[in-house]
Amino acid sequence: MSCHPLTSEKRKWTCLRVAVCRYVLVPSIKRPRVAGNKCQLGRTPIKSQRPLKSADSETMEQLVIQEQKKTIERLQTVLCQELKEKKRELNNRTKKNGTVKQALALLQSESTETVENIMTDLKGIDE
């Protein structure tokens, strides 16, 4: 991890203030804006903006590991929500179309149609 990377990526970052460098940046998932002090470039602070006193490398590593664990937990919750939405969508399709087999056949036909469309587009580009 580096301090304040100047990237052109459209990711949201949150800042964790440490003693060695000003901020350790970790990716965040749609975190609400915190009122008060904000980090540079519009990044929201995780904790208060006071520097940690006499923070050695071990405590800094522990803080980074804790933030990574929090990030992983947030990603897991987002993935679980997406999975639930996909299941709901499949259930809705099965209700509309009758059976699970029909819904799966519909999904397969849609995917093969998109693959065929992509292949024809690629052939058109080659010619």
N, C-alpha and C. Protein backbone atom coordinates (compact mmCIF):
# COMPACT_ATOMS: atom_id res chain seq x y z
N MET A 1 0.85 -1.19 0.00
CA MET A 1 0.00 0.00 0.00
C MET A 1 0.89 1.24 0.00
N SER A 2 0.39 2.26 -0.60
CA SER A 2 1.16 3.49 -0.67
C SER A 2 0.33 4.65 -0.16
N CYS A 3 1.01 5.76 0.04
CA CYS A 3 0.32 6.95 0.54
C CYS A 3 -0.17 7.79 -0.63
N HIS A 4 -1.46 8.10 -0.63
CA HIS A 4 -2.07 8.97 -1.63
C HIS A 4 -1.66 8.64 -3.07
N PRO A 5 -2.02 7.48 -3.58
CA PRO A 5 -1.66 7.21 -4.98
C PRO A 5 -2.48 8.10 -5.90
N LEU A 6 -1.82 8.65 -6.89
CA LEU A 6 -2.52 9.50 -7.85
C LEU A 6 -2.95 8.60 -9.01
N THR A 7 -4.10 8.00 -8.89
CA THR A 7 -4.57 7.08 -9.91
C THR A 7 -5.75 7.69 -10.65
N SER A 8 -5.95 7.20 -11.86
CA SER A 8 -7.10 7.65 -12.63
C SER A 8 -8.26 6.67 -12.50
N GLU A 9 -8.11 5.66 -11.63
CA GLU A 9 -9.18 4.69 -11.45
C GLU A 9 -10.38 5.35 -10.79
N LYS A 10 -11.57 4.89 -11.14
CA LYS A 10 -12.79 5.46 -10.56
C LYS A 10 -13.24 4.62 -9.38
N ARG A 11 -12.33 4.38 -8.43
CA ARG A 11 -12.65 3.64 -7.23
C ARG A 11 -12.83 4.61 -6.09
N LYS A 12 -13.65 4.21 -5.12
CA LYS A 12 -13.78 5.02 -3.92
C LYS A 12 -12.79 4.49 -2.90
N TRP A 13 -12.14 5.40 -2.17
CA TRP A 13 -11.15 5.00 -1.19
C TRP A 13 -11.51 5.59 0.15
N THR A 14 -11.11 4.88 1.18
CA THR A 14 -11.22 5.44 2.52
C THR A 14 -9.83 5.52 3.11
N CYS A 15 -9.63 6.47 4.00
CA CYS A 15 -8.30 6.70 4.53
C CYS A 15 -8.19 6.18 5.95
N LEU A 16 -7.06 5.60 6.27
CA LEU A 16 -6.74 5.18 7.62
C LEU A 16 -5.46 5.90 8.00
N ARG A 17 -5.53 6.75 8.99
CA ARG A 17 -4.38 7.57 9.33
C ARG A 17 -3.43 6.78 10.21
N VAL A 18 -2.15 6.80 9.86
CA VAL A 18 -1.12 6.13 10.64
C VAL A 18 0.04 7.09 10.83
N ALA A 19 0.98 6.68 11.68
CA ALA A 19 2.08 7.58 12.01
C ALA A 19 3.16 7.59 10.93
N VAL A 20 3.41 6.46 10.27
CA VAL A 20 4.53 6.37 9.34
C VAL A 20 4.26 7.22 8.10
N CYS A 21 3.13 6.99 7.44
CA CYS A 21 2.75 7.86 6.35
C CYS A 21 1.41 8.48 6.72
N ARG A 22 0.98 9.49 6.03
CA ARG A 22 -0.23 10.19 6.47
C ARG A 22 -1.47 9.32 6.41
N TYR A 23 -1.63 8.57 5.33
CA TYR A 23 -2.83 7.75 5.18
C TYR A 23 -2.47 6.42 4.54
N VAL A 24 -3.14 5.37 4.95
CA VAL A 24 -3.09 4.10 4.23
C VAL A 24 -4.45 3.94 3.59
N LEU A 25 -4.45 3.76 2.28
CA LEU A 25 -5.72 3.75 1.55
C LEU A 25 -6.21 2.33 1.34
N VAL A 26 -7.48 2.12 1.59
CA VAL A 26 -8.11 0.83 1.34
C VAL A 26 -9.38 1.07 0.54
N PRO A 27 -9.71 0.17 -0.40
CA PRO A 27 -10.94 0.38 -1.17
C PRO A 27 -12.17 0.26 -0.29
N SER A 28 -13.16 1.09 -0.57
CA SER A 28 -14.39 1.06 0.23
C SER A 28 -15.57 0.75 -0.67
N ILE A 29 -16.67 0.33 -0.05
CA ILE A 29 -17.89 0.02 -0.79
C ILE A 29 -18.96 1.01 -0.37
N LYS A 30 -19.26 1.96 -1.22
CA LYS A 30 -20.35 2.92 -1.02
C LYS A 30 -20.55 3.30 0.45
N ARG A 31 -19.50 3.83 1.04
CA ARG A 31 -19.54 4.24 2.44
C ARG A 31 -20.14 5.64 2.50
N PRO A 32 -21.04 5.91 3.43
CA PRO A 32 -21.63 7.25 3.50
C PRO A 32 -20.59 8.29 3.91
N ARG A 33 -20.77 9.50 3.44
CA ARG A 33 -19.85 10.58 3.78
C ARG A 33 -19.90 10.88 5.27
N VAL A 34 -18.73 11.08 5.85
CA VAL A 34 -18.66 11.40 7.28
C VAL A 34 -18.56 12.91 7.41
N ALA A 35 -19.39 13.48 8.25
CA ALA A 35 -19.34 14.93 8.45
C ALA A 35 -18.06 15.28 9.19
N GLY A 36 -17.51 16.42 8.88
CA GLY A 36 -16.28 16.85 9.56
C GLY A 36 -15.10 16.78 8.62
N ASN A 37 -13.95 16.41 9.16
CA ASN A 37 -12.73 16.38 8.37
C ASN A 37 -12.80 15.32 7.28
N LYS A 38 -12.29 15.68 6.11
CA LYS A 38 -12.24 14.73 5.01
C LYS A 38 -10.79 14.61 4.58
N CYS A 39 -10.46 13.45 4.05
CA CYS A 39 -9.10 13.25 3.56
C CYS A 39 -8.94 13.99 2.23
N GLN A 40 -7.72 13.99 1.72
CA GLN A 40 -7.47 14.65 0.45
C GLN A 40 -8.27 13.97 -0.66
N LEU A 41 -8.54 14.71 -1.70
CA LEU A 41 -9.23 14.23 -2.89
C LEU A 41 -10.60 13.66 -2.58
N GLY A 42 -11.25 14.17 -1.53
CA GLY A 42 -12.62 13.77 -1.23
C GLY A 42 -12.77 12.40 -0.63
N ARG A 43 -11.72 11.85 -0.05
CA ARG A 43 -11.82 10.52 0.54
C ARG A 43 -12.30 10.65 1.98
N THR A 44 -13.14 9.74 2.42
CA THR A 44 -13.72 9.87 3.76
C THR A 44 -12.84 9.18 4.80
N PRO A 45 -12.67 9.78 5.95
CA PRO A 45 -11.83 9.17 6.98
C PRO A 45 -12.57 8.04 7.70
N ILE A 46 -11.82 6.99 8.02
CA ILE A 46 -12.41 5.88 8.78
C ILE A 46 -12.48 6.26 10.25
N LYS A 47 -11.38 6.78 10.77
CA LYS A 47 -11.33 7.14 12.17
C LYS A 47 -11.03 8.63 12.27
N SER A 48 -10.90 9.13 13.48
CA SER A 48 -10.62 10.55 13.65
C SER A 48 -9.27 10.89 13.04
N GLN A 49 -9.05 12.15 12.76
CA GLN A 49 -7.86 12.56 12.04
C GLN A 49 -6.64 12.77 12.94
N ARG A 50 -6.70 12.33 14.19
CA ARG A 50 -5.53 12.45 15.06
C ARG A 50 -4.51 11.39 14.69
N PRO A 51 -3.23 11.74 14.63
CA PRO A 51 -2.22 10.72 14.34
C PRO A 51 -2.05 9.77 15.52
N LEU A 52 -1.69 8.54 15.23
CA LEU A 52 -1.45 7.58 16.29
C LEU A 52 -0.10 7.89 16.94
N LYS A 53 -0.04 7.86 18.25
CA LYS A 53 1.20 8.17 18.95
C LYS A 53 2.05 6.91 19.07
N SER A 54 3.30 7.03 18.72
CA SER A 54 4.31 5.97 18.81
C SER A 54 3.79 4.65 18.23
N ALA A 55 3.26 4.72 17.02
CA ALA A 55 2.78 3.51 16.37
C ALA A 55 3.94 2.86 15.64
N ASP A 56 4.32 1.67 16.07
CA ASP A 56 5.39 0.97 15.38
C ASP A 56 4.82 0.19 14.20
N SER A 57 5.69 -0.48 13.48
CA SER A 57 5.26 -1.15 12.26
C SER A 57 4.27 -2.28 12.54
N GLU A 58 4.39 -2.94 13.70
CA GLU A 58 3.47 -4.04 14.01
C GLU A 58 2.04 -3.54 14.19
N THR A 59 1.87 -2.44 14.92
CA THR A 59 0.52 -1.93 15.12
C THR A 59 -0.05 -1.41 13.81
N MET A 60 0.82 -0.82 12.98
CA MET A 60 0.35 -0.35 11.68
C MET A 60 -0.12 -1.53 10.83
N GLU A 61 0.66 -2.62 10.85
CA GLU A 61 0.27 -3.81 10.10
C GLU A 61 -1.05 -4.37 10.63
N GLN A 62 -1.22 -4.37 11.95
CA GLN A 62 -2.46 -4.86 12.54
C GLN A 62 -3.65 -4.01 12.10
N LEU A 63 -3.45 -2.70 12.06
CA LEU A 63 -4.53 -1.82 11.61
C LEU A 63 -4.89 -2.09 10.15
N VAL A 64 -3.86 -2.27 9.33
CA VAL A 64 -4.11 -2.54 7.91
C VAL A 64 -4.83 -3.88 7.76
N ILE A 65 -4.41 -4.89 8.54
CA ILE A 65 -5.06 -6.20 8.47
C ILE A 65 -6.52 -6.10 8.91
N GLN A 66 -6.78 -5.33 9.97
CA GLN A 66 -8.16 -5.15 10.43
C GLN A 66 -9.01 -4.50 9.34
N GLU A 67 -8.46 -3.48 8.69
CA GLU A 67 -9.21 -2.82 7.62
C GLU A 67 -9.45 -3.76 6.45
N GLN A 68 -8.44 -4.60 6.14
CA GLN A 68 -8.63 -5.56 5.05
C GLN A 68 -9.72 -6.57 5.41
N LYS A 69 -9.76 -7.00 6.68
CA LYS A 69 -10.81 -7.93 7.11
C LYS A 69 -12.18 -7.27 6.99
N LYS A 70 -12.28 -6.00 7.39
CA LYS A 70 -13.55 -5.28 7.27
C LYS A 70 -13.97 -5.18 5.80
N THR A 71 -12.99 -4.90 4.94
CA THR A 71 -13.28 -4.80 3.51
C THR A 71 -13.77 -6.13 2.96
N ILE A 72 -13.13 -7.22 3.38
CA ILE A 72 -13.55 -8.55 2.93
C ILE A 72 -14.96 -8.85 3.40
N GLU A 73 -15.27 -8.50 4.66
CA GLU A 73 -16.62 -8.73 5.18
C GLU A 73 -17.65 -7.93 4.38
N ARG A 74 -17.31 -6.67 4.06
CA ARG A 74 -18.23 -5.85 3.27
C ARG A 74 -18.44 -6.46 1.89
N LEU A 75 -17.35 -6.93 1.27
CA LEU A 75 -17.47 -7.56 -0.04
C LEU A 75 -18.34 -8.81 0.03
N GLN A 76 -18.16 -9.59 1.10
CA GLN A 76 -18.98 -10.79 1.26
C GLN A 76 -20.45 -10.45 1.37
N THR A 77 -20.78 -9.40 2.12
CA THR A 77 -22.19 -9.03 2.25
C THR A 77 -22.75 -8.57 0.91
N VAL A 78 -21.95 -7.81 0.15
CA VAL A 78 -22.41 -7.36 -1.16
C VAL A 78 -22.64 -8.55 -2.08
N LEU A 79 -21.70 -9.50 -2.07
CA LEU A 79 -21.85 -10.68 -2.91
C LEU A 79 -23.07 -11.51 -2.51
N CYS A 80 -23.31 -11.63 -1.20
CA CYS A 80 -24.50 -12.36 -0.74
C CYS A 80 -25.77 -11.67 -1.22
N GLN A 81 -25.79 -10.34 -1.16
CA GLN A 81 -26.96 -9.61 -1.63
C GLN A 81 -27.18 -9.84 -3.13
N GLU A 82 -26.08 -9.81 -3.91
CA GLU A 82 -26.21 -10.04 -5.35
C GLU A 82 -26.71 -11.46 -5.63
N LEU A 83 -26.21 -12.43 -4.85
CA LEU A 83 -26.66 -13.81 -5.03
C LEU A 83 -28.14 -13.94 -4.72
N LYS A 84 -28.59 -13.28 -3.66
CA LYS A 84 -30.02 -13.32 -3.32
C LYS A 84 -30.86 -12.70 -4.43
N GLU A 85 -30.36 -11.60 -5.01
CA GLU A 85 -31.10 -10.96 -6.10
C GLU A 85 -31.19 -11.89 -7.31
N LYS A 86 -30.08 -12.58 -7.63
CA LYS A 86 -30.10 -13.51 -8.76
C LYS A 86 -31.08 -14.66 -8.50
N LYS A 87 -31.09 -15.16 -7.25
CA LYS A 87 -32.04 -16.23 -6.92
C LYS A 87 -33.47 -15.73 -7.06
N ARG A 88 -33.73 -14.50 -6.58
CA ARG A 88 -35.06 -13.93 -6.70
C ARG A 88 -35.46 -13.80 -8.17
N GLU A 89 -34.51 -13.34 -8.98
CA GLU A 89 -34.79 -13.19 -10.42
C GLU A 89 -35.11 -14.54 -11.05
N LEU A 90 -34.34 -15.56 -10.67
CA LEU A 90 -34.60 -16.90 -11.20
C LEU A 90 -35.95 -17.41 -10.73
N ASN A 91 -36.29 -17.16 -9.47
CA ASN A 91 -37.60 -17.57 -8.96
C ASN A 91 -38.73 -16.87 -9.71
N ASN A 92 -38.55 -15.58 -9.99
CA ASN A 92 -39.56 -14.85 -10.74
C ASN A 92 -39.73 -15.43 -12.14
N ARG A 93 -38.60 -15.79 -12.76
CA ARG A 93 -38.68 -16.39 -14.09
C ARG A 93 -39.38 -17.74 -14.04
N THR A 94 -39.10 -18.51 -12.99
CA THR A 94 -39.75 -19.83 -12.91
C THR A 94 -41.24 -19.67 -12.69
N LYS A 95 -41.64 -18.66 -11.92
CA LYS A 95 -43.07 -18.44 -11.71
C LYS A 95 -43.74 -18.04 -13.02
N LYS A 96 -43.07 -17.20 -13.80
CA LYS A 96 -43.66 -16.74 -15.05
C LYS A 96 -43.68 -17.86 -16.09
N ASN A 97 -42.62 -18.64 -16.15
CA ASN A 97 -42.49 -19.62 -17.23
C ASN A 97 -42.93 -21.02 -16.84
N GLY A 98 -43.20 -21.27 -15.59
CA GLY A 98 -43.70 -22.58 -15.21
C GLY A 98 -42.74 -23.41 -14.40
N THR A 99 -41.63 -23.83 -14.98
CA THR A 99 -40.72 -24.74 -14.28
C THR A 99 -39.31 -24.20 -14.30
N VAL A 100 -38.47 -24.81 -13.47
CA VAL A 100 -37.06 -24.42 -13.42
C VAL A 100 -36.38 -24.76 -14.73
N LYS A 101 -36.74 -25.90 -15.32
CA LYS A 101 -36.12 -26.30 -16.58
C LYS A 101 -36.37 -25.27 -17.67
N GLN A 102 -37.58 -24.74 -17.72
CA GLN A 102 -37.88 -23.73 -18.73
C GLN A 102 -37.06 -22.47 -18.48
N ALA A 103 -36.91 -22.10 -17.22
CA ALA A 103 -36.12 -20.90 -16.91
C ALA A 103 -34.66 -21.10 -17.29
N LEU A 104 -34.12 -22.29 -16.99
CA LEU A 104 -32.74 -22.57 -17.36
C LEU A 104 -32.58 -22.61 -18.88
N ALA A 105 -33.54 -23.20 -19.57
CA ALA A 105 -33.48 -23.22 -21.03
C ALA A 105 -33.52 -21.81 -21.59
N LEU A 106 -34.34 -20.95 -20.97
CA LEU A 106 -34.42 -19.56 -21.39
C LEU A 106 -33.08 -18.85 -21.19
N LEU A 107 -32.46 -19.08 -20.02
CA LEU A 107 -31.16 -18.48 -19.76
C LEU A 107 -30.12 -18.97 -20.76
N GLN A 108 -30.12 -20.28 -21.05
CA GLN A 108 -29.16 -20.82 -22.01
C GLN A 108 -29.38 -20.24 -23.39
N SER A 109 -30.62 -20.13 -23.82
CA SER A 109 -30.89 -19.60 -25.15
C SER A 109 -30.45 -18.14 -25.24
N GLU A 110 -30.69 -17.37 -24.15
CA GLU A 110 -30.25 -15.97 -24.15
C GLU A 110 -28.74 -15.88 -24.24
N SER A 111 -28.03 -16.74 -23.49
CA SER A 111 -26.57 -16.68 -23.51
C SER A 111 -26.03 -17.11 -24.87
N THR A 112 -26.63 -18.15 -25.49
CA THR A 112 -26.15 -18.56 -26.80
C THR A 112 -26.45 -17.50 -27.85
N GLU A 113 -27.59 -16.82 -27.72
CA GLU A 113 -27.91 -15.74 -28.66
C GLU A 113 -26.90 -14.61 -28.55
N THR A 114 -26.52 -14.25 -27.32
CA THR A 114 -25.55 -13.17 -27.16
C THR A 114 -24.19 -13.59 -27.70
N VAL A 115 -23.80 -14.86 -27.48
CA VAL A 115 -22.53 -15.34 -28.02
C VAL A 115 -22.57 -15.31 -29.54
N GLU A 116 -23.68 -15.75 -30.13
CA GLU A 116 -23.80 -15.73 -31.59
C GLU A 116 -23.75 -14.29 -32.11
N ASN A 117 -24.40 -13.38 -31.42
CA ASN A 117 -24.35 -11.97 -31.85
C ASN A 117 -22.94 -11.43 -31.78
N ILE A 118 -22.22 -11.76 -30.72
CA ILE A 118 -20.83 -11.30 -30.60
C ILE A 118 -19.98 -11.88 -31.71
N MET A 119 -20.16 -13.17 -32.02
CA MET A 119 -19.38 -13.81 -33.07
C MET A 119 -19.66 -13.16 -34.43
N THR A 120 -20.93 -12.87 -34.71
CA THR A 120 -21.24 -12.22 -35.99
C THR A 120 -20.65 -10.82 -36.04
N ASP A 121 -20.66 -10.12 -34.90
CA ASP A 121 -20.04 -8.79 -34.87
C ASP A 121 -18.55 -8.89 -35.13
N LEU A 122 -17.90 -9.89 -34.53
CA LEU A 122 -16.46 -10.07 -34.73
C LEU A 122 -16.16 -10.43 -36.18
N LYS A 123 -16.99 -11.28 -36.78
CA LYS A 123 -16.78 -11.64 -38.18
C LYS A 123 -16.93 -10.41 -39.07
N GLY A 124 -17.90 -9.55 -38.72
CA GLY A 124 -18.09 -8.32 -39.48
C GLY A 124 -16.89 -7.40 -39.36
N ILE A 125 -16.26 -7.38 -38.20
CA ILE A 125 -15.07 -6.54 -38.01
C ILE A 125 -13.90 -7.09 -38.81
N ASP A 126 -13.73 -8.43 -38.83
CA ASP A 126 -12.62 -9.05 -39.57
C ASP A 126 -12.73 -8.78 -41.06
N GLU A 127 -13.96 -8.78 -41.58
CA GLU A 127 -14.14 -8.57 -43.02
C GLU A 127 -14.02 -7.13 -43.33
